[in-house]
Amino acid sequence: MPNRSGCVSTKKGQVSDLSKTGNRVGKITRKTRETEISLALQVDGFGQTNLKTGVPFLEHMLDSFAKHGKFDLFVEAKGDTHIDDHHTVEDIAICLGKALRDALGDKRGIRRYGNAFVPMDETLGQVIVDLSNRPHLEFRAEFPREKAGNFDTELVHEFFWKLALEARITLHVILHYGQNTHHMIEACFKALGRALDEAVQADPRVQGIPSSKGVL
């Protein structure tokens, strides 16, 4: 039975059947020699998640992203994590970017821009986004440790870059300061959710496509 977000329970290997009531939804499946991924994103959600990726730290970050963006997110991924987490993280970002792009369509009537600061104890992260159809990443973040738990911190850049590329968005990630690597990464993911939530909202003052070009 559907839950409050429109998600229904799924069998292994299936993408969840999200609400058909007009909410913006993107669904992506991707299979390579390295990974097999099913992902569904409901933009107009409640922050509910169902995440099975084989990369626990990434699941924690995606859950934070979805909760703060009020996105419903389903991800089931199998990857060659016996080697490392690189391919799984990269391909999930690719799928999430494509799902976001599909869900937003021509972006008619949306705000387009979003900006969010997120403090997390000693850390302050910021994300600014433009749903511009011009993929670009400015990543101004350095982490004091090479790993957060078992997670390679260099994969944070990889995730944001592939997300920006496949969603075709301009994305600025700025870590103003911090000491704890976990806090620093989590602040960036929370800020991503909040910035995107602002950008995708409908603005009744916007007539048509929010661009002087008439297209995004």
C-alpha atoms as a PDB file:
ATOM      1  CA  MET A   1       0.000   0.000   0.000  1.00  0.00           C
ATOM      2  CA  PRO A   2       1.230   3.526  -0.695  1.00  0.00           C
ATOM      3  CA  ASN A   3       2.637   5.439   2.226  1.00  0.00           C
ATOM      4  CA  ARG A   4       2.260   9.161   2.887  1.00  0.00           C
ATOM      5  CA  SER A   5       4.771  10.049   0.164  1.00  0.00           C
ATOM      6  CA  GLY A   6       3.180   7.890  -2.517  1.00  0.00           C
ATOM      7  CA  CYS A   7       5.946   5.283  -2.299  1.00  0.00           C
ATOM      8  CA  VAL A   8       4.917   1.666  -2.186  1.00  0.00           C
ATOM      9  CA  SER A   9       6.808  -1.340  -0.930  1.00  0.00           C
ATOM     10  CA  THR A  10       9.092  -2.886  -3.521  1.00  0.00           C
ATOM     11  CA  LYS A  11      10.419  -6.305  -4.336  1.00  0.00           C
ATOM     12  CA  LYS A  12      14.129  -6.740  -4.635  1.00  0.00           C
ATOM     13  CA  GLY A  13      15.467  -5.239  -7.851  1.00  0.00           C
ATOM     14  CA  GLN A  14      12.408  -3.099  -8.587  1.00  0.00           C
ATOM     15  CA  VAL A  15      12.088   0.661  -8.590  1.00  0.00           C
ATOM     16  CA  SER A  16       9.426   1.877  -6.181  1.00  0.00           C
ATOM     17  CA  ASP A  17       6.156   2.975  -7.794  1.00  0.00           C
ATOM     18  CA  LEU A  18       5.939   6.604  -6.804  1.00  0.00           C
ATOM     19  CA  SER A  19       2.761   8.659  -6.743  1.00  0.00           C
ATOM     20  CA  LYS A  20       0.888   9.181 -10.013  1.00  0.00           C
ATOM     21  CA  THR A  21      -0.916  12.275  -8.782  1.00  0.00           C
ATOM     22  CA  GLY A  22       1.088  14.765 -10.845  1.00  0.00           C
ATOM     23  CA  ASN A  23       4.132  15.036  -8.597  1.00  0.00           C
ATOM     24  CA  ARG A  24       7.443  15.452 -10.391  1.00  0.00           C
ATOM     25  CA  VAL A  25       9.125  12.055 -10.581  1.00  0.00           C
ATOM     26  CA  GLY A  26      12.241  10.711 -12.250  1.00  0.00           C
ATOM     27  CA  LYS A  27      13.119   7.029 -12.525  1.00  0.00           C
ATOM     28  CA  ILE A  28      16.408   5.683 -13.801  1.00  0.00           C
ATOM     29  CA  THR A  29      17.917   2.237 -14.207  1.00  0.00           C
ATOM     30  CA  ARG A  30      21.548   1.760 -15.148  1.00  0.00           C
ATOM     31  CA  LYS A  31      23.474  -1.456 -15.661  1.00  0.00           C
ATOM     32  CA  THR A  32      27.155  -1.728 -16.467  1.00  0.00           C
ATOM     33  CA  ARG A  33      29.852  -4.310 -15.874  1.00  0.00           C
ATOM     34  CA  GLU A  34      30.611  -2.482 -12.643  1.00  0.00           C
ATOM     35  CA  THR A  35      27.223  -1.514 -11.203  1.00  0.00           C
ATOM     36  CA  GLU A  36      23.497  -2.182 -11.408  1.00  0.00           C
ATOM     37  CA  ILE A  37      21.317   0.635 -10.118  1.00  0.00           C
ATOM     38  CA  SER A  38      17.606   1.402  -9.799  1.00  0.00           C
ATOM     39  CA  LEU A  39      16.781   4.904  -8.599  1.00  0.00           C
ATOM     40  CA  ALA A  40      13.566   6.869  -8.218  1.00  0.00           C
ATOM     41  CA  LEU A  41      13.287  10.483  -7.114  1.00  0.00           C
ATOM     42  CA  GLN A  42      10.080  12.303  -6.223  1.00  0.00           C
ATOM     43  CA  VAL A  43      10.765  16.030  -6.072  1.00  0.00           C
ATOM     44  CA  ASP A  44       7.510  16.904  -4.328  1.00  0.00           C
ATOM     45  CA  GLY A  45       7.973  14.541  -1.436  1.00  0.00           C
ATOM     46  CA  PHE A  46       8.321  14.343   2.323  1.00  0.00           C
ATOM     47  CA  GLY A  47      11.977  13.384   2.764  1.00  0.00           C
ATOM     48  CA  GLN A  48      11.376   9.661   2.906  1.00  0.00           C
ATOM     49  CA  THR A  49      14.073   7.250   1.736  1.00  0.00           C
ATOM     50  CA  ASN A  50      14.705   3.601   0.950  1.00  0.00           C
ATOM     51  CA  LEU A  51      18.435   3.161   0.333  1.00  0.00           C
ATOM     52  CA  LYS A  52      20.351  -0.045  -0.309  1.00  0.00           C
ATOM     53  CA  THR A  53      23.676   0.801  -1.918  1.00  0.00           C
ATOM     54  CA  GLY A  54      26.386  -1.234  -0.236  1.00  0.00           C
ATOM     55  CA  VAL A  55      28.049   2.051   0.774  1.00  0.00           C
ATOM     56  CA  PRO A  56      26.768   2.918   4.277  1.00  0.00           C
ATOM     57  CA  PHE A  57      28.335   6.372   4.497  1.00  0.00           C
ATOM     58  CA  LEU A  58      26.811   7.388   1.161  1.00  0.00           C
ATOM     59  CA  GLU A  59      23.428   6.138   2.346  1.00  0.00           C
ATOM     60  CA  HIS A  60      23.741   8.397   5.384  1.00  0.00           C
ATOM     61  CA  MET A  61      24.569  11.368   3.148  1.00  0.00           C
ATOM     62  CA  LEU A  62      21.734  10.626   0.701  1.00  0.00           C
ATOM     63  CA  ASP A  63      19.313  10.312   3.581  1.00  0.00           C
ATOM     64  CA  SER A  64      20.418  13.727   4.878  1.00  0.00           C
ATOM     65  CA  PHE A  65      20.112  15.193   1.371  1.00  0.00           C
ATOM     66  CA  ALA A  66      16.585  13.860   0.930  1.00  0.00           C
ATOM     67  CA  LYS A  67      15.389  14.787   4.413  1.00  0.00           C
ATOM     68  CA  HIS A  68      16.526  18.393   4.070  1.00  0.00           C
ATOM     69  CA  GLY A  69      15.330  18.721   0.476  1.00  0.00           C
ATOM     70  CA  LYS A  70      11.972  17.065   1.204  1.00  0.00           C
ATOM     71  CA  PHE A  71      12.655  14.642  -1.650  1.00  0.00           C
ATOM     72  CA  ASP A  72      11.478  11.045  -1.614  1.00  0.00           C
ATOM     73  CA  LEU A  73      14.366   8.887  -2.780  1.00  0.00           C
ATOM     74  CA  PHE A  74      14.641   5.192  -3.546  1.00  0.00           C
ATOM     75  CA  VAL A  75      18.015   3.694  -4.467  1.00  0.00           C
ATOM     76  CA  GLU A  76      18.961   0.058  -4.884  1.00  0.00           C
ATOM     77  CA  ALA A  77      22.505  -0.485  -6.078  1.00  0.00           C
ATOM     78  CA  LYS A  78      24.890  -3.381  -6.517  1.00  0.00           C
ATOM     79  CA  GLY A  79      28.468  -2.556  -7.363  1.00  0.00           C
ATOM     80  CA  ASP A  80      32.039  -3.765  -7.253  1.00  0.00           C
ATOM     81  CA  THR A  81      32.567  -2.485  -3.722  1.00  0.00           C
ATOM     82  CA  HIS A  82      34.999  -5.354  -3.143  1.00  0.00           C
ATOM     83  CA  ILE A  83      37.379  -3.194  -5.190  1.00  0.00           C
ATOM     84  CA  ASP A  84      36.340   0.164  -3.760  1.00  0.00           C
ATOM     85  CA  ASP A  85      33.295   2.441  -3.641  1.00  0.00           C
ATOM     86  CA  HIS A  86      34.214   4.617  -6.612  1.00  0.00           C
ATOM     87  CA  HIS A  87      32.036   3.099  -9.343  1.00  0.00           C
ATOM     88  CA  THR A  88      28.992   2.767  -7.098  1.00  0.00           C
ATOM     89  CA  VAL A  89      29.188   6.357  -5.831  1.00  0.00           C
ATOM     90  CA  GLU A  90      29.823   7.716  -9.323  1.00  0.00           C
ATOM     91  CA  ASP A  91      26.972   5.805 -10.947  1.00  0.00           C
ATOM     92  CA  ILE A  92      24.476   6.681  -8.211  1.00  0.00           C
ATOM     93  CA  ALA A  93      25.319  10.352  -8.785  1.00  0.00           C
ATOM     94  CA  ILE A  94      24.818   9.869 -12.523  1.00  0.00           C
ATOM     95  CA  CYS A  95      21.415   8.286 -11.935  1.00  0.00           C
ATOM     96  CA  LEU A  96      20.352  10.923  -9.415  1.00  0.00           C
ATOM     97  CA  GLY A  97      21.310  13.701 -11.811  1.00  0.00           C
ATOM     98  CA  LYS A  98      19.377  12.139 -14.668  1.00  0.00           C
ATOM     99  CA  ALA A  99      16.348  11.517 -12.446  1.00  0.00           C
ATOM    100  CA  LEU A 100      16.336  15.137 -11.269  1.00  0.00           C
ATOM    101  CA  ARG A 101      16.562  16.404 -14.827  1.00  0.00           C
ATOM    102  CA  ASP A 102      13.736  14.138 -15.977  1.00  0.00           C
ATOM    103  CA  ALA A 103      11.546  15.071 -13.012  1.00  0.00           C
ATOM    104  CA  LEU A 104      11.847  18.808 -13.652  1.00  0.00           C
ATOM    105  CA  GLY A 105      11.038  18.675 -17.354  1.00  0.00           C
ATOM    106  CA  ASP A 106      11.246  22.099 -19.030  1.00  0.00           C
ATOM    107  CA  LYS A 107      11.451  23.819 -15.602  1.00  0.00           C
ATOM    108  CA  ARG A 108       8.460  25.988 -16.369  1.00  0.00           C
ATOM    109  CA  GLY A 109       7.394  28.239 -13.482  1.00  0.00           C
ATOM    110  CA  ILE A 110      10.168  27.329 -11.025  1.00  0.00           C
ATOM    111  CA  ARG A 111      12.471  29.619  -9.059  1.00  0.00           C
ATOM    112  CA  ARG A 112      15.553  28.143 -10.779  1.00  0.00           C
ATOM    113  CA  TYR A 113      18.093  29.411  -8.215  1.00  0.00           C
ATOM    114  CA  GLY A 114      18.734  28.133  -4.697  1.00  0.00           C
ATOM    115  CA  ASN A 115      21.194  28.968  -1.931  1.00  0.00           C
ATOM    116  CA  ALA A 116      21.589  27.297   1.450  1.00  0.00           C
ATOM    117  CA  PHE A 117      23.953  27.640   4.397  1.00  0.00           C
ATOM    118  CA  VAL A 118      24.052  24.706   6.799  1.00  0.00           C
ATOM    119  CA  PRO A 119      25.943  24.822  10.102  1.00  0.00           C
ATOM    120  CA  MET A 120      26.841  21.541  11.743  1.00  0.00           C
ATOM    121  CA  ASP A 121      28.552  22.112  15.070  1.00  0.00           C
ATOM    122  CA  GLU A 122      31.941  23.642  14.169  1.00  0.00           C
ATOM    123  CA  THR A 123      31.318  23.383  10.420  1.00  0.00           C
ATOM    124  CA  LEU A 124      29.628  25.736   7.957  1.00  0.00           C
ATOM    125  CA  GLY A 125      28.771  24.495   4.470  1.00  0.00           C
ATOM    126  CA  GLN A 126      27.086  26.310   1.617  1.00  0.00           C
ATOM    127  CA  VAL A 127      25.618  25.189  -1.698  1.00  0.00           C
ATOM    128  CA  ILE A 128      24.367  27.467  -4.470  1.00  0.00           C
ATOM    129  CA  VAL A 129      22.557  25.992  -7.449  1.00  0.00           C
ATOM    130  CA  ASP A 130      21.285  27.237 -10.788  1.00  0.00           C
ATOM    131  CA  LEU A 131      19.080  24.846 -12.764  1.00  0.00           C
ATOM    132  CA  SER A 132      20.649  26.338 -15.848  1.00  0.00           C
ATOM    133  CA  ASN A 133      21.028  23.417 -18.278  1.00  0.00           C
ATOM    134  CA  ARG A 134      24.732  24.339 -18.225  1.00  0.00           C
ATOM    135  CA  PRO A 135      26.656  21.741 -16.190  1.00  0.00           C
ATOM    136  CA  HIS A 136      29.388  23.246 -14.051  1.00  0.00           C
ATOM    137  CA  LEU A 137      30.841  22.483 -10.631  1.00  0.00           C
ATOM    138  CA  GLU A 138      32.833  24.813  -8.396  1.00  0.00           C
ATOM    139  CA  PHE A 139      34.002  22.714  -5.462  1.00  0.00           C
ATOM    140  CA  ARG A 140      35.707  24.733  -2.737  1.00  0.00           C
ATOM    141  CA  ALA A 141      36.015  22.087  -0.047  1.00  0.00           C
ATOM    142  CA  GLU A 142      38.998  20.418   1.552  1.00  0.00           C
ATOM    143  CA  PHE A 143      38.766  17.710   4.170  1.00  0.00           C
ATOM    144  CA  PRO A 144      41.333  17.077   6.915  1.00  0.00           C
ATOM    145  CA  ARG A 145      41.148  13.298   6.542  1.00  0.00           C
ATOM    146  CA  GLU A 146      41.282  11.018   3.508  1.00  0.00           C
ATOM    147  CA  LYS A 147      38.532   8.827   4.910  1.00  0.00           C
ATOM    148  CA  ALA A 148      35.303   9.236   6.831  1.00  0.00           C
ATOM    149  CA  GLY A 149      34.975   5.809   8.343  1.00  0.00           C
ATOM    150  CA  ASN A 150      35.673   3.534   5.371  1.00  0.00           C
ATOM    151  CA  PHE A 151      34.553   6.136   2.820  1.00  0.00           C
ATOM    152  CA  ASP A 152      37.149   7.852   0.631  1.00  0.00           C
ATOM    153  CA  THR A 153      36.598  11.594   0.962  1.00  0.00           C
ATOM    154  CA  GLU A 154      37.799  12.234  -2.616  1.00  0.00           C
ATOM    155  CA  LEU A 155      34.532  10.606  -3.728  1.00  0.00           C
ATOM    156  CA  VAL A 156      32.584  13.617  -2.428  1.00  0.00           C
ATOM    157  CA  HIS A 157      33.920  15.718  -5.331  1.00  0.00           C
ATOM    158  CA  GLU A 158      33.202  12.853  -7.714  1.00  0.00           C
ATOM    159  CA  PHE A 159      29.597  12.659  -6.540  1.00  0.00           C
ATOM    160  CA  PHE A 160      28.900  16.389  -6.849  1.00  0.00           C
ATOM    161  CA  TRP A 161      30.615  16.621 -10.240  1.00  0.00           C
ATOM    162  CA  LYS A 162      28.683  13.732 -11.793  1.00  0.00           C
ATOM    163  CA  LEU A 163      25.435  15.036 -10.285  1.00  0.00           C
ATOM    164  CA  ALA A 164      26.007  18.489 -11.799  1.00  0.00           C
ATOM    165  CA  LEU A 165      26.981  16.991 -15.140  1.00  0.00           C
ATOM    166  CA  GLU A 166      23.998  14.668 -15.517  1.00  0.00           C
ATOM    167  CA  ALA A 167      21.414  17.039 -14.017  1.00  0.00           C
ATOM    168  CA  ARG A 168      22.887  19.808 -16.216  1.00  0.00           C
ATOM    169  CA  ILE A 169      23.022  22.280 -13.374  1.00  0.00           C
ATOM    170  CA  THR A 170      25.503  24.871 -12.179  1.00  0.00           C
ATOM    171  CA  LEU A 171      26.579  23.834  -8.708  1.00  0.00           C
ATOM    172  CA  HIS A 172      28.811  25.683  -6.254  1.00  0.00           C
ATOM    173  CA  VAL A 173      29.859  23.813  -3.111  1.00  0.00           C
ATOM    174  CA  ILE A 174      31.675  25.930  -0.538  1.00  0.00           C
ATOM    175  CA  LEU A 175      32.950  24.629   2.764  1.00  0.00           C
ATOM    176  CA  HIS A 176      33.652  27.786   4.734  1.00  0.00           C
ATOM    177  CA  TYR A 177      35.279  26.056   7.692  1.00  0.00           C
ATOM    178  CA  GLY A 178      35.210  22.949   9.847  1.00  0.00           C
ATOM    179  CA  GLN A 179      37.335  20.368  11.626  1.00  0.00           C
ATOM    180  CA  ASN A 180      35.386  17.110  11.713  1.00  0.00           C
ATOM    181  CA  THR A 181      35.401  15.410   8.303  1.00  0.00           C
ATOM    182  CA  HIS A 182      32.048  13.714   8.840  1.00  0.00           C
ATOM    183  CA  HIS A 183      30.404  17.010   9.797  1.00  0.00           C
ATOM    184  CA  MET A 184      31.981  18.788   6.832  1.00  0.00           C
ATOM    185  CA  ILE A 185      30.707  16.316   4.259  1.00  0.00           C
ATOM    186  CA  GLU A 186      27.266  16.065   5.841  1.00  0.00           C
ATOM    187  CA  ALA A 187      26.868  19.844   5.912  1.00  0.00           C
ATOM    188  CA  CYS A 188      27.488  19.904   2.153  1.00  0.00           C
ATOM    189  CA  PHE A 189      24.885  17.209   1.453  1.00  0.00           C
ATOM    190  CA  LYS A 190      22.301  18.890   3.684  1.00  0.00           C
ATOM    191  CA  ALA A 191      22.971  22.218   1.984  1.00  0.00           C
ATOM    192  CA  LEU A 192      22.578  20.528  -1.406  1.00  0.00           C
ATOM    193  CA  GLY A 193      19.127  19.297  -0.418  1.00  0.00           C
ATOM    194  CA  ARG A 194      18.017  22.682   0.878  1.00  0.00           C
ATOM    195  CA  ALA A 195      19.399  24.628  -2.086  1.00  0.00           C
ATOM    196  CA  LEU A 196      17.722  22.304  -4.582  1.00  0.00           C
ATOM    197  CA  ASP A 197      14.469  22.440  -2.635  1.00  0.00           C
ATOM    198  CA  GLU A 198      14.475  26.223  -2.993  1.00  0.00           C
ATOM    199  CA  ALA A 199      15.360  26.097  -6.695  1.00  0.00           C
ATOM    200  CA  VAL A 200      12.664  23.605  -7.724  1.00  0.00           C
ATOM    201  CA  GLN A 201       9.787  25.390  -5.990  1.00  0.00           C
ATOM    202  CA  ALA A 202       7.070  26.957  -8.089  1.00  0.00           C
ATOM    203  CA  ASP A 203       7.021  30.756  -8.134  1.00  0.00           C
ATOM    204  CA  PRO A 204       3.610  32.184  -9.110  1.00  0.00           C
ATOM    205  CA  ARG A 205       5.347  35.307 -10.438  1.00  0.00           C
ATOM    206  CA  VAL A 206       7.301  33.298 -13.020  1.00  0.00           C
ATOM    207  CA  GLN A 207       5.499  33.124 -16.346  1.00  0.00           C
ATOM    208  CA  GLY A 208       6.815  30.235 -18.417  1.00  0.00           C
ATOM    209  CA  ILE A 209      10.527  29.380 -18.476  1.00  0.00           C
ATOM    210  CA  PRO A 210      12.644  31.354 -15.965  1.00  0.00           C
ATOM    211  CA  SER A 211      15.180  32.582 -18.522  1.00  0.00           C
ATOM    212  CA  SER A 212      15.487  35.596 -20.802  1.00  0.00           C
ATOM    213  CA  LYS A 213      16.362  33.103 -23.554  1.00  0.00           C
ATOM    214  CA  GLY A 214      12.959  31.451 -23.218  1.00  0.00           C
ATOM    215  CA  VAL A 215      14.492  28.039 -22.679  1.00  0.00           C
ATOM    216  CA  LEU A 216      16.676  26.237 -20.155  1.00  0.00           C
END
